[in-house]
C-alpha cells in the first residue's frame, strides 16, 4: 500500500517541471541571442535543472491534522 506515487505531490512535480523549463528557456535565449558577447551560464542552468529533478523525485510528507480525542 505504500507506493511512491502516494508520497509525491502533483504541486511539487509541476514546480520541478516548471523549474526545468525556465532553466532551459533561459539557456536557449542566451544561446540564440543576436549579441555575440552573450555567453550562456551553464553552471546556473545545470543547478536549476538538477533542482527541478530533485523536486520531481521528491517524496512529500503526508500532513495530518492534529485532532484531540475526547475523553
N, C-alpha and C. Protein backbone atom coordinates (compact mmCIF):
# COMPACT_ATOMS: atom_id res chain seq x y z
N UNK A 1 0.81 -1.19 0.00
CA UNK A 1 0.00 0.00 0.00
C UNK A 1 0.85 1.26 0.00
N UNK A 2 2.09 1.14 0.41
CA UNK A 2 2.98 2.28 0.45
C UNK A 2 3.73 2.42 -0.86
N UNK A 3 3.11 2.99 -1.85
CA UNK A 3 3.78 3.18 -3.13
C UNK A 3 4.38 4.58 -3.19
N UNK A 4 5.35 4.76 -4.05
CA UNK A 4 5.97 6.08 -4.17
C UNK A 4 5.02 7.09 -4.77
N UNK A 5 4.02 6.64 -5.49
CA UNK A 5 3.05 7.57 -6.07
C UNK A 5 2.22 8.24 -4.99
N UNK A 6 2.01 7.53 -3.89
CA UNK A 6 1.21 8.12 -2.82
C UNK A 6 2.01 9.13 -2.00
N UNK A 7 3.32 9.16 -2.16
CA UNK A 7 4.16 10.07 -1.40
C UNK A 7 4.56 11.31 -2.19
N UNK A 8 4.16 11.40 -3.44
CA UNK A 8 4.52 12.57 -4.24
C UNK A 8 3.32 13.50 -4.36
N UNK A 9 3.61 14.75 -4.48
CA UNK A 9 2.57 15.76 -4.64
C UNK A 9 2.61 16.29 -6.06
N UNK A 10 1.46 16.45 -6.65
CA UNK A 10 1.43 16.96 -8.03
C UNK A 10 1.95 18.40 -8.06
N UNK A 11 1.79 19.13 -6.98
CA UNK A 11 2.27 20.52 -6.95
C UNK A 11 3.80 20.57 -7.00
N UNK A 12 4.45 19.67 -6.28
CA UNK A 12 5.90 19.62 -6.28
C UNK A 12 6.43 19.19 -7.64
N UNK A 13 5.76 18.23 -8.26
CA UNK A 13 6.16 17.77 -9.59
C UNK A 13 6.01 18.89 -10.62
N UNK A 14 4.90 19.62 -10.57
CA UNK A 14 4.69 20.73 -11.51
C UNK A 14 5.73 21.81 -11.29
N UNK A 15 6.07 22.09 -10.04
CA UNK A 15 7.11 23.09 -9.76
C UNK A 15 8.46 22.64 -10.31
N UNK A 16 8.77 21.35 -10.21
CA UNK A 16 10.03 20.83 -10.75
C UNK A 16 10.08 20.95 -12.27
N UNK A 17 8.97 20.60 -12.92
CA UNK A 17 8.91 20.72 -14.39
C UNK A 17 9.03 22.17 -14.81
N UNK A 18 8.35 23.06 -14.09
CA UNK A 18 8.42 24.49 -14.41
C UNK A 18 9.84 25.03 -14.22
N UNK A 19 10.53 24.57 -13.20
CA UNK A 19 11.91 24.99 -12.96
C UNK A 19 12.82 24.57 -14.10
N UNK A 20 12.65 23.35 -14.58
CA UNK A 20 13.47 22.86 -15.69
C UNK A 20 13.16 23.63 -16.97
N UNK A 21 11.89 23.88 -17.23
CA UNK A 21 11.51 24.63 -18.44
C UNK A 21 12.09 26.04 -18.40
N UNK A 22 12.04 26.70 -17.23
CA UNK A 22 12.59 28.05 -17.11
C UNK A 22 14.11 28.04 -17.31
N UNK A 23 14.79 27.02 -16.80
CA UNK A 23 16.24 26.95 -16.96
C UNK A 23 16.62 26.74 -18.42
N UNK A 24 15.92 25.83 -19.08
CA UNK A 24 16.22 25.56 -20.49
C UNK A 24 15.86 26.77 -21.36
N UNK A 25 14.76 27.44 -21.04
CA UNK A 25 14.38 28.62 -21.82
C UNK A 25 15.40 29.74 -21.68
N UNK A 26 15.91 29.93 -20.46
CA UNK A 26 16.95 30.95 -20.26
C UNK A 26 18.23 30.60 -20.98
N UNK A 27 18.57 29.34 -20.99
CA UNK A 27 19.77 28.88 -21.68
C UNK A 27 19.63 29.06 -23.19
N UNK A 28 18.50 28.67 -23.73
CA UNK A 28 18.26 28.81 -25.17
C UNK A 28 18.23 30.28 -25.57
N UNK A 29 17.61 31.12 -24.73
CA UNK A 29 17.56 32.55 -25.04
C UNK A 29 18.97 33.13 -25.09
N UNK A 30 19.83 32.74 -24.17
CA UNK A 30 21.19 33.25 -24.17
C UNK A 30 21.99 32.72 -25.36
N UNK A 31 21.71 31.49 -25.78
CA UNK A 31 22.44 30.92 -26.90
C UNK A 31 22.00 31.50 -28.24
N UNK A 32 20.71 31.82 -28.37
CA UNK A 32 20.19 32.31 -29.64
C UNK A 32 20.10 33.83 -29.70
N UNK A 33 20.70 34.49 -28.74
CA UNK A 33 20.70 35.95 -28.72
C UNK A 33 21.53 36.48 -29.89
N UNK A 34 21.12 37.60 -30.44
CA UNK A 34 21.84 38.18 -31.58
C UNK A 34 23.17 38.79 -31.15
N UNK A 35 23.35 39.01 -29.86
CA UNK A 35 24.58 39.61 -29.36
C UNK A 35 25.64 38.52 -29.18
N UNK A 36 26.74 38.59 -29.93
CA UNK A 36 27.77 37.53 -29.82
C UNK A 36 28.52 37.56 -28.50
N UNK A 37 28.43 38.65 -27.74
CA UNK A 37 29.16 38.71 -26.47
C UNK A 37 28.37 38.06 -25.32
N UNK A 38 27.13 37.64 -25.60
CA UNK A 38 26.33 36.99 -24.56
C UNK A 38 26.75 35.53 -24.45
N UNK A 39 27.17 35.14 -23.27
CA UNK A 39 27.57 33.76 -23.02
C UNK A 39 26.56 33.12 -22.07
N UNK A 40 26.04 31.95 -22.43
CA UNK A 40 25.12 31.27 -21.52
C UNK A 40 25.86 30.74 -20.30
N UNK A 41 25.26 30.89 -19.14
CA UNK A 41 25.87 30.42 -17.89
C UNK A 41 25.44 28.98 -17.65
N UNK A 42 26.30 28.05 -17.99
CA UNK A 42 25.98 26.63 -17.87
C UNK A 42 25.88 26.18 -16.42
N UNK A 43 26.62 26.82 -15.53
CA UNK A 43 26.58 26.44 -14.12
C UNK A 43 25.21 26.71 -13.52
N UNK A 44 24.66 27.87 -13.82
CA UNK A 44 23.33 28.22 -13.31
C UNK A 44 22.28 27.32 -13.93
N UNK A 45 22.41 27.04 -15.22
CA UNK A 45 21.45 26.15 -15.89
C UNK A 45 21.50 24.74 -15.31
N UNK A 46 22.69 24.23 -15.07
CA UNK A 46 22.82 22.88 -14.51
C UNK A 46 22.25 22.82 -13.10
N UNK A 47 22.50 23.85 -12.31
CA UNK A 47 21.96 23.88 -10.94
C UNK A 47 20.44 23.94 -10.95
N UNK A 48 19.86 24.72 -11.85
CA UNK A 48 18.41 24.81 -11.93
C UNK A 48 17.79 23.50 -12.43
N UNK A 49 18.43 22.86 -13.39
CA UNK A 49 17.90 21.59 -13.90
C UNK A 49 17.99 20.50 -12.83
N UNK A 50 19.08 20.46 -12.09
CA UNK A 50 19.20 19.48 -11.01
C UNK A 50 18.21 19.76 -9.88
N UNK A 51 17.95 21.03 -9.62
CA UNK A 51 16.94 21.37 -8.62
C UNK A 51 15.56 20.93 -9.07
N UNK A 52 15.27 21.12 -10.34
CA UNK A 52 13.99 20.67 -10.88
C UNK A 52 13.83 19.17 -10.80
N UNK A 53 14.91 18.44 -11.10
CA UNK A 53 14.85 16.98 -10.98
C UNK A 53 14.65 16.55 -9.52
N UNK A 54 15.29 17.28 -8.62
CA UNK A 54 15.09 17.00 -7.21
C UNK A 54 13.65 17.21 -6.78
N UNK A 55 13.02 18.24 -7.31
CA UNK A 55 11.62 18.49 -6.98
C UNK A 55 10.70 17.43 -7.59
N UNK A 56 11.05 16.97 -8.78
CA UNK A 56 10.21 15.95 -9.42
C UNK A 56 10.25 14.65 -8.63
N UNK A 57 11.43 14.25 -8.17
CA UNK A 57 11.58 12.98 -7.47
C UNK A 57 11.45 13.11 -5.96
N UNK A 58 11.04 14.27 -5.47
CA UNK A 58 10.91 14.47 -4.02
C UNK A 58 9.73 13.66 -3.49
N UNK A 59 9.93 13.15 -2.29
CA UNK A 59 8.83 12.46 -1.60
C UNK A 59 8.30 13.41 -0.54
N UNK A 60 7.07 13.76 -0.66
CA UNK A 60 6.46 14.70 0.25
C UNK A 60 5.86 13.97 1.45
N UNK A 61 5.99 14.60 2.59
CA UNK A 61 5.39 14.02 3.79
C UNK A 61 3.89 14.28 3.77
N UNK A 62 3.14 13.31 4.24
CA UNK A 62 1.71 13.50 4.33
C UNK A 62 1.39 14.28 5.60
N UNK A 63 0.68 15.36 5.45
CA UNK A 63 0.31 16.19 6.59
C UNK A 63 -1.00 15.67 7.17
N UNK A 64 -0.99 15.46 8.46
CA UNK A 64 -2.21 15.00 9.14
C UNK A 64 -2.60 16.07 10.15
N UNK A 65 -3.86 16.39 10.15
CA UNK A 65 -4.35 17.37 11.12
C UNK A 65 -4.36 16.76 12.51
N UNK A 66 -3.99 17.55 13.47
CA UNK A 66 -3.98 17.08 14.84
C UNK A 66 -5.40 17.19 15.39
N UNK A 67 -5.95 16.08 15.77
CA UNK A 67 -7.30 16.04 16.33
C UNK A 67 -7.20 15.41 17.70
N UNK A 68 -7.63 16.14 18.70
CA UNK A 68 -7.58 15.62 20.06
C UNK A 68 -8.79 14.71 20.30
N UNK A 69 -8.50 13.55 20.81
CA UNK A 69 -9.57 12.58 21.10
C UNK A 69 -10.31 13.02 22.35
N UNK A 70 -11.65 12.97 22.32
CA UNK A 70 -12.42 13.30 23.53
C UNK A 70 -12.22 12.24 24.61
N UNK A 71 -12.22 12.67 25.86
CA UNK A 71 -12.01 11.73 26.97
C UNK A 71 -13.29 11.34 27.62
